[in-house]
Protein backbone atom coordinates (compact mmCIF):
# COMPACT_ATOMS: atom_id res chain seq x y z
CA UNK A 1 129.51 46.04 88.92
CA UNK A 2 126.18 46.79 87.29
CA UNK A 3 125.51 47.06 83.56
CA UNK A 4 122.51 49.37 83.72
CA UNK A 5 123.34 52.76 85.22
CA UNK A 6 120.95 54.49 87.60
CA UNK A 7 119.65 57.09 85.14
CA UNK A 8 119.21 54.47 82.43
CA UNK A 9 117.36 52.28 84.91
CA UNK A 10 114.92 55.09 85.65
CA UNK A 11 114.32 55.70 81.94
CA UNK A 12 113.83 52.01 81.21
CA UNK A 13 111.37 51.63 84.08
CA UNK A 14 109.35 54.47 82.57
CA UNK A 15 109.36 52.76 79.16
CA UNK A 16 108.36 49.47 80.74
CA UNK A 17 105.26 51.09 82.20
CA UNK A 18 103.88 50.69 78.68
CA UNK A 19 104.29 46.91 78.73
CA UNK A 20 100.99 45.26 77.99
CA UNK A 21 101.28 41.47 78.06
CA UNK A 22 103.87 39.36 79.93
CA UNK A 23 107.24 38.80 78.28
CA UNK A 24 109.49 35.77 78.72
CA UNK A 25 113.24 36.10 78.18
CA UNK A 26 115.15 32.86 77.73
CA UNK A 27 118.90 33.01 78.23
CA UNK A 28 121.04 30.14 76.98
CA UNK A 29 124.48 29.95 78.54
CA UNK A 30 127.29 27.63 79.50
CA UNK A 31 129.64 27.66 82.46
CA UNK A 32 132.81 27.00 80.49
CA UNK A 33 134.29 28.29 77.22
CA UNK A 34 131.68 30.93 76.50
CA UNK A 35 132.66 34.54 75.98
CA UNK A 36 130.19 37.02 77.47
CA UNK A 37 127.80 34.36 78.84
CA UNK A 38 128.19 35.61 82.40
CA UNK A 39 127.86 39.26 81.36
CA UNK A 40 124.79 38.56 79.22
CA UNK A 41 123.06 36.75 82.06
CA UNK A 42 123.79 39.60 84.47
CA UNK A 43 122.51 42.18 82.00
CA UNK A 44 119.29 40.24 81.49
CA UNK A 45 118.84 39.77 85.25
CA UNK A 46 119.12 43.51 85.81
CA UNK A 47 116.70 44.21 82.97
CA UNK A 48 114.10 41.66 84.07
CA UNK A 49 114.13 43.17 87.56
CA UNK A 50 112.76 46.43 86.17
CA UNK A 51 109.27 45.07 85.46
CA UNK A 52 107.08 42.42 87.04
CA UNK A 53 105.80 41.61 83.54
CA UNK A 54 109.21 40.25 82.51
CA UNK A 55 110.40 36.80 83.55
CA UNK A 56 113.89 35.46 82.90
CA UNK A 57 114.65 31.78 82.41
CA UNK A 58 118.29 30.65 82.28
CA UNK A 59 119.25 27.42 80.52
CA UNK A 60 122.52 25.58 80.06
CA UNK A 61 123.19 24.51 76.47
CA UNK A 62 124.37 21.05 77.56
CA UNK A 63 122.27 20.32 80.64
CA UNK A 64 119.11 21.68 78.99
CA UNK A 65 119.82 20.31 75.53
CA UNK A 66 116.18 19.49 74.81
CA UNK A 67 115.13 23.10 75.44
CA UNK A 68 118.00 24.42 73.32
CA UNK A 69 117.00 22.12 70.47
CA UNK A 70 113.37 23.21 70.79
CA UNK A 71 114.41 26.79 70.12
CA UNK A 72 117.11 25.95 67.58
CA UNK A 73 119.90 27.46 69.66
CA UNK A 74 123.25 26.74 68.02
CA UNK A 75 125.68 29.24 69.61
CA UNK A 76 126.20 31.15 72.84
CA UNK A 77 125.31 33.40 74.48
CA UNK A 78 121.77 33.32 73.12
CA UNK A 79 118.66 35.26 74.08
CA UNK A 80 115.05 34.53 73.09
CA UNK A 81 112.33 37.15 73.61
CA UNK A 82 108.84 35.65 73.53
CA UNK A 83 105.35 35.78 74.94
CA UNK A 84 103.04 32.82 75.42
CA UNK A 85 104.39 31.69 72.05
CA UNK A 86 107.77 31.80 70.35
CA UNK A 87 107.97 34.62 67.80
CA UNK A 88 111.31 33.54 66.37
CA UNK A 89 113.23 36.44 67.94
CA UNK A 90 116.85 35.53 68.66
CA UNK A 91 119.89 37.52 69.80
CA UNK A 92 123.29 35.83 69.61
CA UNK A 93 126.01 37.61 71.54
CA UNK A 94 125.69 40.13 74.33
CA UNK A 95 123.11 42.82 73.45
CA UNK A 96 125.33 45.71 74.47
CA UNK A 97 126.09 49.12 72.99
CA UNK A 98 123.54 50.12 70.39
CA UNK A 99 122.10 46.60 70.43
CA UNK A 100 120.81 47.13 73.95
CA UNK A 101 118.16 49.36 72.36
CA UNK A 102 117.24 46.42 70.10
CA UNK A 103 116.57 44.27 73.14
CA UNK A 104 114.39 46.96 74.69
CA UNK A 105 112.40 47.37 71.46
CA UNK A 106 111.96 43.59 71.18
CA UNK A 107 110.50 43.49 74.68
CA UNK A 108 108.06 46.29 73.88
CA UNK A 109 107.01 44.66 70.58
CA UNK A 110 106.41 41.28 72.17
CA UNK A 111 104.49 42.83 75.05
CA UNK A 112 102.08 44.34 72.51
CA UNK A 113 101.79 41.06 70.59
CA UNK A 114 101.89 43.22 67.45
CA UNK A 115 104.62 43.51 64.82
CA UNK A 116 103.51 47.07 63.98
CA UNK A 117 104.18 46.41 60.30
CA UNK A 118 102.04 47.92 57.58
CA UNK A 119 98.96 45.96 56.41
CA UNK A 120 100.60 45.50 53.00
CA UNK A 121 103.75 44.01 54.52
CA UNK A 122 101.75 41.68 56.75
CA UNK A 123 99.81 40.42 53.75
CA UNK A 124 102.94 39.82 51.69
CA UNK A 125 104.79 38.08 54.51
CA UNK A 126 101.97 35.55 54.56
CA UNK A 127 103.31 34.40 51.17
CA UNK A 128 106.33 32.89 52.93
CA UNK A 129 105.30 29.24 53.27
CA UNK A 130 108.67 27.56 53.94
CA UNK A 131 110.90 27.78 57.03
CA UNK A 132 113.05 30.90 56.68
CA UNK A 133 116.02 32.01 58.75
CA UNK A 134 117.09 35.64 58.69
CA UNK A 135 120.47 36.57 60.13
CA UNK A 136 121.40 40.19 60.74
CA UNK A 137 125.09 40.72 61.40
CA UNK A 138 125.91 43.63 63.70
CA UNK A 139 128.48 45.21 66.00
CA UNK A 140 127.71 47.00 69.27
CA UNK A 141 129.16 50.26 67.90
CA UNK A 142 126.94 50.39 64.79
CA UNK A 143 124.17 53.02 65.13
CA UNK A 144 122.30 51.71 62.07
CA UNK A 145 122.21 48.08 63.14
CA UNK A 146 119.31 48.18 65.64
CA UNK A 147 116.85 49.28 62.97
CA UNK A 148 117.88 46.40 60.70
CA UNK A 149 117.59 43.86 63.52
CA UNK A 150 114.26 45.12 64.83
CA UNK A 151 112.77 45.04 61.32
CA UNK A 152 113.87 41.42 60.91
CA UNK A 153 112.35 40.62 64.30
CA UNK A 154 109.12 42.31 63.21
CA UNK A 155 109.06 40.06 60.14
CA UNK A 156 109.54 37.02 62.39
CA UNK A 157 106.67 38.10 64.63
CA UNK A 158 104.36 38.23 61.65
CA UNK A 159 105.02 34.74 60.28
CA UNK A 160 105.61 31.63 62.42
CA UNK A 161 107.85 30.16 59.72
CA UNK A 162 110.37 33.01 60.02
CA UNK A 163 113.15 33.09 62.59
CA UNK A 164 115.30 36.23 62.84
CA UNK A 165 118.72 36.26 64.48
CA UNK A 166 120.85 39.14 65.61
CA UNK A 167 124.45 37.95 65.28
CA UNK A 168 127.24 39.98 66.88
CA UNK A 169 130.13 39.49 64.46
CA UNK A 170 133.03 40.18 66.83
CA UNK A 171 131.84 37.25 68.96
CA UNK A 172 131.30 34.97 65.97
CA UNK A 173 134.08 35.88 63.51
CA UNK A 174 133.79 32.53 61.70
CA UNK A 175 130.27 33.49 60.64
CA UNK A 176 131.44 36.91 59.49
CA UNK A 177 133.99 35.16 57.31
CA UNK A 178 131.53 32.57 56.07
CA UNK A 179 129.01 35.17 54.92
CA UNK A 180 131.54 37.74 53.72
CA UNK A 181 130.56 40.39 56.24
CA UNK A 182 132.70 43.43 55.48
CA UNK A 183 130.27 46.03 56.78
CA UNK A 184 127.31 46.06 59.13
CA UNK A 185 124.42 45.69 59.24
CA UNK A 186 124.33 42.85 56.76
CA UNK A 187 121.22 40.70 56.39
CA UNK A 188 121.24 37.13 55.12
CA UNK A 189 118.10 35.05 54.50
CA UNK A 190 118.32 31.32 53.85
CA UNK A 191 122.06 31.63 53.21
CA UNK A 192 121.60 34.40 50.62
CA UNK A 193 122.57 38.05 51.18
CA UNK A 194 119.47 40.22 50.95
CA UNK A 195 120.65 43.56 52.35
CA UNK A 196 123.69 45.61 53.23
CA UNK A 197 122.81 48.54 55.42
CA UNK A 198 119.50 49.28 57.11
CA UNK A 199 116.87 49.12 54.35
CA UNK A 200 113.32 50.52 54.51
CA UNK A 201 110.56 48.04 55.28
CA UNK A 202 109.35 47.62 51.70
CA UNK A 203 112.84 47.19 50.26
CA UNK A 204 113.83 44.48 52.72
CA UNK A 205 110.49 42.77 52.19
CA UNK A 206 110.96 42.64 48.42
CA UNK A 207 114.49 41.28 48.78
CA UNK A 208 113.31 38.68 51.26
CA UNK A 209 110.42 37.53 49.09
CA UNK A 210 112.79 37.20 46.14
CA UNK A 211 114.66 34.39 47.92
CA UNK A 212 111.79 32.79 49.85
CA UNK A 213 108.90 32.64 47.37
CA UNK A 214 108.72 31.29 43.85
C-alpha cells in the first residue's frame, strides 16, 4: 500500500522542481503504543523519495531521547521540517487529508529559507523576545486548517524564539479537552487562545503580540 497516488506523485515532483535549498525532515516515532507512527514514517519516506534535495531522518523517542529533547518533542508521531537550522516547525500527528498540503508548503518555505511574510509583519515579530509556543489544533478534514498552520509556521521561521506546532486533535484528544477545542482551526499561544478560525496575517499577528509582548 502506498500513501501517495501516482498522479499526486507526478504533481508533487513538479512542485519540488522549485526547491531551492536542501530540506531535512526529522520523524520521531516509537515501535510500540503509537497510533499512526508507522503510517507517518511511510508517508514521509514516499515524500522524501520525490526529490534529492529532501533527506529524511527517523528517530525513536526513547532510544534517541537526547535528539528528541533537543527539538522539544513531547508526543508522537512528530515531524520537524528544517534546513541547516531549526525553524521551529513541528507537526504532531499524521499530516494526512488537508494537512498533507501543509507539509508540502512547509517544505517549499524551508527550501526558500524565506517566511514570505510582509516586511511589516517581520518587523513586528522581532518584538517577540521570549520563548513562544504556538499550537494550531486541526483535523485532516478541515479545509481551513492548512492556512492557519502554515501562517503559524511562517511566524516561527521569522523568529528563532517561536515554535509552531500543528496538533491533530483526533490523535491527541486530551489536548483538545485541555484547551477547549470545539472547532478547528484553533490557535493557542503560550497557553492562551489567540484565534478561532483561519485569521488574516495581520489579525493573528496582533493577537499573538498581545500575549507575547508587554
